[in-house]
Amino acid sequence: MKQIIWTSDYLLDDKARKEYENSQRYLLDDDDYKVSDAEWTEVTNDNLTDERMNLDKQIEGVVIAFADLGLWNGRRQGYKILGHNINGIFNVSEDENEWYGDGFNIRGSLSHHDGTHYVLYRVAKDIDEAERIGEMIYNREIDEAGFRKKTRSLYPYVAEIYGWKTGRFRRAFQKAV
């Protein structure tokens, strides 16, 4: 089950835009009010700012991203070490972005004019371990499955913030915290 953290598809959500426009008409007491594209973009980006604040939580360990990169010259794998704060997941973005939980992991789908990056965000024990894992990704010594084995899920931390069910992660997460 996909649990959306934030998506740029909100910009294209006509229903949400209409609801916003109606609420502004009521608040401004102006039946002719029309939301501009620029204002709607600002409102949507403010929602992203809210999610950054929601996920502004330090964790024990280091958030690291494993990416299947869509580039002009084909697909490649890459990584980025994002630090000790969950909201570091937002430090990697493109033209169209979606961050979500898949029930086990936190993932991102980041699209641009050349393709789409599929990103898996996980937690390494410390910065040294994150750098070792990053080198292995860079040298193509591990793939996503190997990355998952060497790291732990970020999902329980995000699930705790949003009140998502964690199932099998609950016991292990509570012991770690």
C-alpha atoms as a PDB file:
ATOM      1  CA  MET A   1       0.000   0.000   0.000  1.00  0.00           C
ATOM      2  CA  LYS A   2       1.424   3.341  -1.061  1.00  0.00           C
ATOM      3  CA  GLN A   3       1.297   5.991   1.676  1.00  0.00           C
ATOM      4  CA  ILE A   4       2.026   9.382   0.121  1.00  0.00           C
ATOM      5  CA  ILE A   5       4.219  11.773   2.069  1.00  0.00           C
ATOM      6  CA  TRP A   6       4.154  14.426  -0.666  1.00  0.00           C
ATOM      7  CA  THR A   7       3.705  14.513  -4.414  1.00  0.00           C
ATOM      8  CA  SER A   8       4.000  17.260  -6.991  1.00  0.00           C
ATOM      9  CA  ASP A   9       0.830  15.766  -8.495  1.00  0.00           C
ATOM     10  CA  TYR A  10      -0.918  18.031  -5.984  1.00  0.00           C
ATOM     11  CA  LEU A  11      -0.200  20.815  -8.485  1.00  0.00           C
ATOM     12  CA  LEU A  12      -2.421  18.999 -10.980  1.00  0.00           C
ATOM     13  CA  ASP A  13      -5.172  18.116  -8.488  1.00  0.00           C
ATOM     14  CA  ASP A  14      -8.110  20.123  -9.863  1.00  0.00           C
ATOM     15  CA  LYS A  15     -10.395  19.103  -6.997  1.00  0.00           C
ATOM     16  CA  ALA A  16      -7.953  20.351  -4.348  1.00  0.00           C
ATOM     17  CA  ARG A  17      -7.385  23.540  -6.303  1.00  0.00           C
ATOM     18  CA  LYS A  18     -11.152  24.136  -6.527  1.00  0.00           C
ATOM     19  CA  GLU A  19     -11.582  23.477  -2.799  1.00  0.00           C
ATOM     20  CA  TYR A  20      -8.811  25.969  -2.046  1.00  0.00           C
ATOM     21  CA  GLU A  21     -10.382  28.521  -4.367  1.00  0.00           C
ATOM     22  CA  ASN A  22     -13.788  28.080  -2.677  1.00  0.00           C
ATOM     23  CA  SER A  23     -12.278  28.442   0.792  1.00  0.00           C
ATOM     24  CA  GLN A  24     -10.491  31.620  -0.299  1.00  0.00           C
ATOM     25  CA  ARG A  25     -13.758  33.003  -1.735  1.00  0.00           C
ATOM     26  CA  TYR A  26     -15.359  32.427   1.647  1.00  0.00           C
ATOM     27  CA  LEU A  27     -12.441  33.857   3.648  1.00  0.00           C
ATOM     28  CA  LEU A  28     -12.049  36.885   1.396  1.00  0.00           C
ATOM     29  CA  ASP A  29     -15.805  37.318   0.942  1.00  0.00           C
ATOM     30  CA  ASP A  30     -15.159  37.534  -2.812  1.00  0.00           C
ATOM     31  CA  ASP A  31     -17.295  35.303  -5.048  1.00  0.00           C
ATOM     32  CA  ASP A  32     -15.166  36.210  -8.089  1.00  0.00           C
ATOM     33  CA  TYR A  33     -11.823  35.152  -6.596  1.00  0.00           C
ATOM     34  CA  LYS A  34      -9.702  32.975  -8.920  1.00  0.00           C
ATOM     35  CA  VAL A  35      -6.506  31.302  -7.717  1.00  0.00           C
ATOM     36  CA  SER A  36      -3.599  32.036 -10.049  1.00  0.00           C
ATOM     37  CA  ASP A  37      -1.163  29.357 -11.167  1.00  0.00           C
ATOM     38  CA  ALA A  38       1.598  31.125  -9.234  1.00  0.00           C
ATOM     39  CA  GLU A  39      -0.452  31.200  -6.028  1.00  0.00           C
ATOM     40  CA  TRP A  40      -1.452  27.532  -6.403  1.00  0.00           C
ATOM     41  CA  THR A  41       2.199  26.582  -6.885  1.00  0.00           C
ATOM     42  CA  GLU A  42       3.061  28.513  -3.719  1.00  0.00           C
ATOM     43  CA  VAL A  43       0.277  26.799  -1.756  1.00  0.00           C
ATOM     44  CA  THR A  44       1.460  23.387  -2.951  1.00  0.00           C
ATOM     45  CA  ASN A  45       5.087  24.178  -2.130  1.00  0.00           C
ATOM     46  CA  ASP A  46       3.992  25.369   1.314  1.00  0.00           C
ATOM     47  CA  ASN A  47       2.601  21.865   1.813  1.00  0.00           C
ATOM     48  CA  LEU A  48       6.069  20.497   1.010  1.00  0.00           C
ATOM     49  CA  THR A  49       7.526  22.877   3.589  1.00  0.00           C
ATOM     50  CA  ASP A  50       5.024  21.473   6.104  1.00  0.00           C
ATOM     51  CA  GLU A  51       6.200  17.928   5.343  1.00  0.00           C
ATOM     52  CA  ARG A  52       9.816  19.011   5.791  1.00  0.00           C
ATOM     53  CA  MET A  53       8.856  20.287   9.239  1.00  0.00           C
ATOM     54  CA  ASN A  54       6.890  17.116  10.027  1.00  0.00           C
ATOM     55  CA  LEU A  55       9.942  15.000   9.224  1.00  0.00           C
ATOM     56  CA  ASP A  56      12.422  17.295  10.971  1.00  0.00           C
ATOM     57  CA  LYS A  57      13.571  14.582  13.357  1.00  0.00           C
ATOM     58  CA  GLN A  58      17.070  13.444  14.203  1.00  0.00           C
ATOM     59  CA  ILE A  59      17.609   9.707  14.201  1.00  0.00           C
ATOM     60  CA  GLU A  60      20.317   7.436  15.456  1.00  0.00           C
ATOM     61  CA  GLY A  61      22.157   6.453  12.317  1.00  0.00           C
ATOM     62  CA  VAL A  62      22.585   8.086   8.925  1.00  0.00           C
ATOM     63  CA  VAL A  63      19.976   8.332   6.181  1.00  0.00           C
ATOM     64  CA  ILE A  64      21.387   7.133   2.868  1.00  0.00           C
ATOM     65  CA  ALA A  65      19.648   7.034  -0.492  1.00  0.00           C
ATOM     66  CA  PHE A  66      20.153   4.294  -3.082  1.00  0.00           C
ATOM     67  CA  ALA A  67      19.004   5.423  -6.521  1.00  0.00           C
ATOM     68  CA  ASP A  68      18.225   3.773  -9.808  1.00  0.00           C
ATOM     69  CA  LEU A  69      18.941   6.857 -11.912  1.00  0.00           C
ATOM     70  CA  GLY A  70      17.231   7.642 -15.197  1.00  0.00           C
ATOM     71  CA  LEU A  71      19.757   9.662 -17.225  1.00  0.00           C
ATOM     72  CA  TRP A  72      19.962  10.792 -20.837  1.00  0.00           C
ATOM     73  CA  ASN A  73      22.480   8.040 -21.536  1.00  0.00           C
ATOM     74  CA  GLY A  74      20.642   5.216 -19.778  1.00  0.00           C
ATOM     75  CA  ARG A  75      20.066   3.895 -16.282  1.00  0.00           C
ATOM     76  CA  ARG A  76      22.759   3.954 -13.596  1.00  0.00           C
ATOM     77  CA  GLN A  77      22.829   3.365  -9.873  1.00  0.00           C
ATOM     78  CA  GLY A  78      23.948   5.986  -7.408  1.00  0.00           C
ATOM     79  CA  TYR A  79      23.722   7.041  -3.798  1.00  0.00           C
ATOM     80  CA  LYS A  80      23.674  10.097  -1.579  1.00  0.00           C
ATOM     81  CA  ILE A  81      24.385  10.322   2.137  1.00  0.00           C
ATOM     82  CA  LEU A  82      21.685  12.565   3.599  1.00  0.00           C
ATOM     83  CA  GLY A  83      22.623  12.924   7.261  1.00  0.00           C
ATOM     84  CA  HIS A  84      20.974  12.265  10.606  1.00  0.00           C
ATOM     85  CA  ASN A  85      17.653  14.001   9.921  1.00  0.00           C
ATOM     86  CA  ILE A  86      14.703  12.253   8.291  1.00  0.00           C
ATOM     87  CA  ASN A  87      13.811  15.333   6.253  1.00  0.00           C
ATOM     88  CA  GLY A  88      17.074  14.844   4.374  1.00  0.00           C
ATOM     89  CA  ILE A  89      15.009  12.749   1.951  1.00  0.00           C
ATOM     90  CA  PHE A  90      13.796  16.024   0.454  1.00  0.00           C
ATOM     91  CA  ASN A  91      17.394  17.080  -0.383  1.00  0.00           C
ATOM     92  CA  VAL A  92      17.211  15.065  -3.590  1.00  0.00           C
ATOM     93  CA  SER A  93      14.527  16.343  -5.945  1.00  0.00           C
ATOM     94  CA  GLU A  94      13.708  16.931  -9.591  1.00  0.00           C
ATOM     95  CA  ASP A  95      10.929  18.584 -11.598  1.00  0.00           C
ATOM     96  CA  GLU A  96       8.229  16.143 -10.482  1.00  0.00           C
ATOM     97  CA  ASN A  97       8.586  14.401  -7.139  1.00  0.00           C
ATOM     98  CA  GLU A  98       6.781  11.877  -5.024  1.00  0.00           C
ATOM     99  CA  TRP A  99       7.900  10.550  -1.651  1.00  0.00           C
ATOM    100  CA  TYR A 100       6.007   7.691  -0.072  1.00  0.00           C
ATOM    101  CA  GLY A 101       6.017   4.695   2.203  1.00  0.00           C
ATOM    102  CA  ASP A 102       5.434   1.297   0.620  1.00  0.00           C
ATOM    103  CA  GLY A 103       4.642  -0.497   3.884  1.00  0.00           C
ATOM    104  CA  PHE A 104       8.282  -1.489   4.438  1.00  0.00           C
ATOM    105  CA  ASN A 105      10.471   1.352   3.122  1.00  0.00           C
ATOM    106  CA  ILE A 106      10.471   5.016   2.268  1.00  0.00           C
ATOM    107  CA  ARG A 107      10.854   5.616  -1.447  1.00  0.00           C
ATOM    108  CA  GLY A 108      10.915   8.436  -3.925  1.00  0.00           C
ATOM    109  CA  SER A 109      10.071   8.755  -7.587  1.00  0.00           C
ATOM    110  CA  LEU A 110      11.816  11.843  -8.975  1.00  0.00           C
ATOM    111  CA  SER A 111      11.201  12.708 -12.639  1.00  0.00           C
ATOM    112  CA  HIS A 112      12.929  15.168 -14.941  1.00  0.00           C
ATOM    113  CA  HIS A 113      13.232  15.782 -18.679  1.00  0.00           C
ATOM    114  CA  ASP A 114      15.600  12.827 -19.243  1.00  0.00           C
ATOM    115  CA  GLY A 115      13.912  10.205 -17.101  1.00  0.00           C
ATOM    116  CA  THR A 116      12.949   9.162 -13.601  1.00  0.00           C
ATOM    117  CA  HIS A 117      15.077   8.352 -10.567  1.00  0.00           C
ATOM    118  CA  TYR A 118      13.715   5.640  -8.274  1.00  0.00           C
ATOM    119  CA  VAL A 119      15.117   6.173  -4.790  1.00  0.00           C
ATOM    120  CA  LEU A 120      15.147   3.952  -1.714  1.00  0.00           C
ATOM    121  CA  TYR A 121      15.922   5.734   1.584  1.00  0.00           C
ATOM    122  CA  ARG A 122      17.372   3.631   4.407  1.00  0.00           C
ATOM    123  CA  VAL A 123      19.454   4.035   7.575  1.00  0.00           C
ATOM    124  CA  ALA A 124      23.113   3.075   7.983  1.00  0.00           C
ATOM    125  CA  LYS A 125      24.631   2.560  11.436  1.00  0.00           C
ATOM    126  CA  ASP A 126      26.934   5.603  11.235  1.00  0.00           C
ATOM    127  CA  ILE A 127      28.707   7.858   8.736  1.00  0.00           C
ATOM    128  CA  ASP A 128      31.615   5.442   8.284  1.00  0.00           C
ATOM    129  CA  GLU A 129      29.246   2.609   7.430  1.00  0.00           C
ATOM    130  CA  ALA A 130      27.275   4.901   5.080  1.00  0.00           C
ATOM    131  CA  GLU A 131      30.498   5.817   3.260  1.00  0.00           C
ATOM    132  CA  ARG A 132      31.501   2.138   2.951  1.00  0.00           C
ATOM    133  CA  ILE A 133      28.077   1.281   1.546  1.00  0.00           C
ATOM    134  CA  GLY A 134      28.266   4.272  -0.797  1.00  0.00           C
ATOM    135  CA  GLU A 135      31.594   3.058  -2.158  1.00  0.00           C
ATOM    136  CA  MET A 136      30.121  -0.380  -2.748  1.00  0.00           C
ATOM    137  CA  ILE A 137      27.217   1.162  -4.658  1.00  0.00           C
ATOM    138  CA  TYR A 138      29.581   3.354  -6.670  1.00  0.00           C
ATOM    139  CA  ASN A 139      31.767   0.358  -7.534  1.00  0.00           C
ATOM    140  CA  ARG A 140      28.675  -1.732  -8.407  1.00  0.00           C
ATOM    141  CA  GLU A 141      29.546  -4.278  -5.743  1.00  0.00           C
ATOM    142  CA  ILE A 142      25.970  -4.250  -4.396  1.00  0.00           C
ATOM    143  CA  ASP A 143      22.545  -3.683  -5.872  1.00  0.00           C
ATOM    144  CA  GLU A 144      19.333  -2.617  -4.138  1.00  0.00           C
ATOM    145  CA  ALA A 145      18.898  -6.018  -2.490  1.00  0.00           C
ATOM    146  CA  GLY A 146      22.431  -5.835  -1.074  1.00  0.00           C
ATOM    147  CA  PHE A 147      21.782  -2.266   0.054  1.00  0.00           C
ATOM    148  CA  ARG A 148      18.689  -3.382   1.959  1.00  0.00           C
ATOM    149  CA  LYS A 149      20.708  -6.114   3.709  1.00  0.00           C
ATOM    150  CA  LYS A 150      23.366  -3.651   4.890  1.00  0.00           C
ATOM    151  CA  THR A 151      20.932  -0.990   6.162  1.00  0.00           C
ATOM    152  CA  ARG A 152      17.726  -0.780   8.157  1.00  0.00           C
ATOM    153  CA  SER A 153      14.385   0.661   7.159  1.00  0.00           C
ATOM    154  CA  LEU A 154      13.559   4.339   7.603  1.00  0.00           C
ATOM    155  CA  TYR A 155       9.864   3.435   7.413  1.00  0.00           C
ATOM    156  CA  PRO A 156       9.263   2.902  11.177  1.00  0.00           C
ATOM    157  CA  TYR A 157      10.578   6.388  11.972  1.00  0.00           C
ATOM    158  CA  VAL A 158       8.303   8.006   9.384  1.00  0.00           C
ATOM    159  CA  ALA A 159       5.389   5.757  10.358  1.00  0.00           C
ATOM    160  CA  GLU A 160       5.700   6.931  13.962  1.00  0.00           C
ATOM    161  CA  ILE A 161       5.384  10.569  12.842  1.00  0.00           C
ATOM    162  CA  TYR A 162       2.368   9.987  10.584  1.00  0.00           C
ATOM    163  CA  GLY A 163       0.685   7.300  12.675  1.00  0.00           C
ATOM    164  CA  TRP A 164       1.035   4.612  10.001  1.00  0.00           C
ATOM    165  CA  LYS A 165       0.842   0.972  11.001  1.00  0.00           C
ATOM    166  CA  THR A 166       4.222  -0.697  11.199  1.00  0.00           C
ATOM    167  CA  GLY A 167       3.318  -4.342  11.765  1.00  0.00           C
ATOM    168  CA  ARG A 168       6.467  -6.419  12.029  1.00  0.00           C
ATOM    169  CA  PHE A 169       8.695  -3.361  12.503  1.00  0.00           C
ATOM    170  CA  ARG A 170       7.038  -2.267  15.735  1.00  0.00           C
ATOM    171  CA  ARG A 171       8.972  -4.490  18.171  1.00  0.00           C
ATOM    172  CA  ALA A 172      12.362  -4.002  16.516  1.00  0.00           C
ATOM    173  CA  PHE A 173      11.794  -0.250  16.208  1.00  0.00           C
ATOM    174  CA  GLN A 174      10.775   0.153  19.852  1.00  0.00           C
ATOM    175  CA  LYS A 175      13.915  -1.668  20.956  1.00  0.00           C
ATOM    176  CA  ALA A 176      16.083   0.579  18.764  1.00  0.00           C
ATOM    177  CA  VAL A 177      14.586   3.841  20.052  1.00  0.00           C
END
